[in-house]
Amino acid sequence: MTMISLRIPEDVLEDLKLVAPRLGFSGYQPLIRAYIGQGLREDLARLENDTEC
């Protein structure tokens, strides 16, 4: 993995910290990675479908 720095509004970070354990994540950083991965996969699939038409 590569380390990056990301600026996130404090209220969003606090919400991530609250939601993460409720969704079974060990902390907010794995949850952020999951959200990014999920969004990326959706966009890639959409872009692949757009090019097939």
N, C-alpha and C. Protein backbone atom coordinates (compact mmCIF):
# COMPACT_ATOMS: atom_id res chain seq x y z
N MET A 1 0.83 -1.18 0.00
CA MET A 1 0.00 0.00 0.00
C MET A 1 0.87 1.24 0.00
N THR A 2 0.33 2.32 -0.53
CA THR A 2 1.01 3.60 -0.54
C THR A 2 0.32 4.54 0.42
N MET A 3 1.10 5.25 1.21
CA MET A 3 0.55 6.19 2.16
C MET A 3 0.27 7.51 1.45
N ILE A 4 -0.92 8.09 1.73
CA ILE A 4 -1.27 9.39 1.20
C ILE A 4 -1.79 10.27 2.34
N SER A 5 -1.87 11.54 2.09
CA SER A 5 -2.46 12.47 3.03
C SER A 5 -3.73 13.01 2.41
N LEU A 6 -4.80 13.07 3.18
CA LEU A 6 -6.09 13.48 2.66
C LEU A 6 -6.75 14.41 3.67
N ARG A 7 -7.17 15.57 3.21
CA ARG A 7 -7.88 16.51 4.09
C ARG A 7 -9.37 16.20 4.05
N ILE A 8 -9.94 15.99 5.23
CA ILE A 8 -11.35 15.64 5.36
C ILE A 8 -11.96 16.57 6.41
N PRO A 9 -13.13 17.12 6.14
CA PRO A 9 -13.78 17.96 7.16
C PRO A 9 -13.93 17.21 8.48
N GLU A 10 -13.78 17.92 9.58
CA GLU A 10 -13.82 17.29 10.91
C GLU A 10 -15.13 16.57 11.17
N ASP A 11 -16.26 17.15 10.72
CA ASP A 11 -17.54 16.50 10.98
C ASP A 11 -17.65 15.19 10.21
N VAL A 12 -17.09 15.13 9.01
CA VAL A 12 -17.10 13.89 8.23
C VAL A 12 -16.23 12.84 8.92
N LEU A 13 -15.09 13.24 9.41
CA LEU A 13 -14.20 12.31 10.10
C LEU A 13 -14.88 11.75 11.36
N GLU A 14 -15.55 12.61 12.10
CA GLU A 14 -16.25 12.14 13.30
C GLU A 14 -17.35 11.15 12.93
N ASP A 15 -18.07 11.42 11.85
CA ASP A 15 -19.11 10.48 11.39
C ASP A 15 -18.50 9.15 10.96
N LEU A 16 -17.36 9.20 10.25
CA LEU A 16 -16.67 7.97 9.85
C LEU A 16 -16.28 7.15 11.07
N LYS A 17 -15.80 7.82 12.10
CA LYS A 17 -15.39 7.13 13.33
C LYS A 17 -16.58 6.47 14.03
N LEU A 18 -17.75 7.09 13.92
CA LEU A 18 -18.96 6.50 14.53
C LEU A 18 -19.48 5.32 13.72
N VAL A 19 -19.44 5.46 12.40
CA VAL A 19 -20.03 4.44 11.52
C VAL A 19 -19.14 3.20 11.40
N ALA A 20 -17.84 3.39 11.35
CA ALA A 20 -16.91 2.28 11.09
C ALA A 20 -17.15 1.06 11.98
N PRO A 21 -17.15 1.20 13.30
CA PRO A 21 -17.34 -0.02 14.11
C PRO A 21 -18.72 -0.63 13.95
N ARG A 22 -19.71 0.19 13.66
CA ARG A 22 -21.07 -0.34 13.47
C ARG A 22 -21.18 -1.17 12.21
N LEU A 23 -20.29 -0.91 11.25
CA LEU A 23 -20.27 -1.68 10.00
C LEU A 23 -19.23 -2.80 10.04
N GLY A 24 -18.58 -2.98 11.19
CA GLY A 24 -17.64 -4.07 11.35
C GLY A 24 -16.21 -3.75 10.97
N PHE A 25 -15.89 -2.46 10.78
CA PHE A 25 -14.53 -2.07 10.45
C PHE A 25 -13.76 -1.78 11.73
N SER A 26 -12.45 -2.01 11.68
CA SER A 26 -11.60 -1.81 12.86
C SER A 26 -11.32 -0.33 13.12
N GLY A 27 -11.59 0.50 12.15
CA GLY A 27 -11.37 1.94 12.30
C GLY A 27 -11.87 2.67 11.08
N TYR A 28 -11.71 3.99 11.09
CA TYR A 28 -12.24 4.78 10.00
C TYR A 28 -11.42 4.66 8.72
N GLN A 29 -10.13 4.39 8.83
CA GLN A 29 -9.30 4.29 7.62
C GLN A 29 -9.69 3.11 6.74
N PRO A 30 -9.91 1.92 7.29
CA PRO A 30 -10.39 0.82 6.44
C PRO A 30 -11.75 1.14 5.80
N LEU A 31 -12.59 1.87 6.52
CA LEU A 31 -13.89 2.25 5.96
C LEU A 31 -13.71 3.20 4.78
N ILE A 32 -12.81 4.17 4.91
CA ILE A 32 -12.52 5.08 3.80
C ILE A 32 -12.01 4.30 2.60
N ARG A 33 -11.10 3.35 2.83
CA ARG A 33 -10.59 2.53 1.72
C ARG A 33 -11.72 1.75 1.05
N ALA A 34 -12.64 1.23 1.86
CA ALA A 34 -13.77 0.48 1.30
C ALA A 34 -14.66 1.40 0.47
N TYR A 35 -14.94 2.59 0.97
CA TYR A 35 -15.77 3.54 0.22
C TYR A 35 -15.11 3.91 -1.10
N ILE A 36 -13.83 4.18 -1.07
CA ILE A 36 -13.11 4.55 -2.29
C ILE A 36 -13.12 3.38 -3.28
N GLY A 37 -12.82 2.18 -2.79
CA GLY A 37 -12.81 1.01 -3.66
C GLY A 37 -14.16 0.74 -4.27
N GLN A 38 -15.21 0.86 -3.48
CA GLN A 38 -16.57 0.62 -3.97
C GLN A 38 -16.93 1.63 -5.06
N GLY A 39 -16.67 2.90 -4.81
CA GLY A 39 -16.97 3.93 -5.80
C GLY A 39 -16.16 3.76 -7.07
N LEU A 40 -14.90 3.40 -6.92
CA LEU A 40 -14.04 3.20 -8.07
C LEU A 40 -14.54 2.03 -8.93
N ARG A 41 -14.88 0.90 -8.29
CA ARG A 41 -15.39 -0.25 -9.03
C ARG A 41 -16.68 0.09 -9.78
N GLU A 42 -17.56 0.86 -9.13
CA GLU A 42 -18.81 1.27 -9.79
C GLU A 42 -18.51 2.15 -11.01
N ASP A 43 -17.60 3.10 -10.85
CA ASP A 43 -17.26 3.98 -11.97
C ASP A 43 -16.59 3.21 -13.10
N LEU A 44 -15.69 2.29 -12.77
CA LEU A 44 -15.03 1.50 -13.80
C LEU A 44 -16.04 0.66 -14.58
N ALA A 45 -16.99 0.06 -13.87
CA ALA A 45 -18.02 -0.75 -14.53
C ALA A 45 -18.88 0.12 -15.43
N ARG A 46 -19.26 1.30 -14.94
CA ARG A 46 -20.07 2.21 -15.74
C ARG A 46 -19.32 2.66 -16.99
N LEU A 47 -18.03 2.97 -16.83
CA LEU A 47 -17.24 3.41 -17.97
C LEU A 47 -17.05 2.29 -18.99
N GLU A 48 -16.88 1.05 -18.51
CA GLU A 48 -16.76 -0.09 -19.42
C GLU A 48 -18.05 -0.29 -20.20
N ASN A 49 -19.18 -0.14 -19.52
CA ASN A 49 -20.49 -0.29 -20.20
C ASN A 49 -20.70 0.82 -21.21
N ASP A 50 -20.24 2.02 -20.92
CA ASP A 50 -20.40 3.15 -21.84
C ASP A 50 -19.59 2.93 -23.12
N THR A 51 -18.41 2.31 -23.01
CA THR A 51 -17.57 2.11 -24.18
C THR A 51 -18.03 0.93 -25.03
N GLU A 52 -18.83 0.01 -24.45
CA GLU A 52 -19.31 -1.15 -25.18
C GLU A 52 -20.48 -0.81 -26.10
N CYS A 53 -21.16 0.27 -25.85
CA CYS A 53 -22.34 0.65 -26.64
C CYS A 53 -21.96 1.27 -27.97
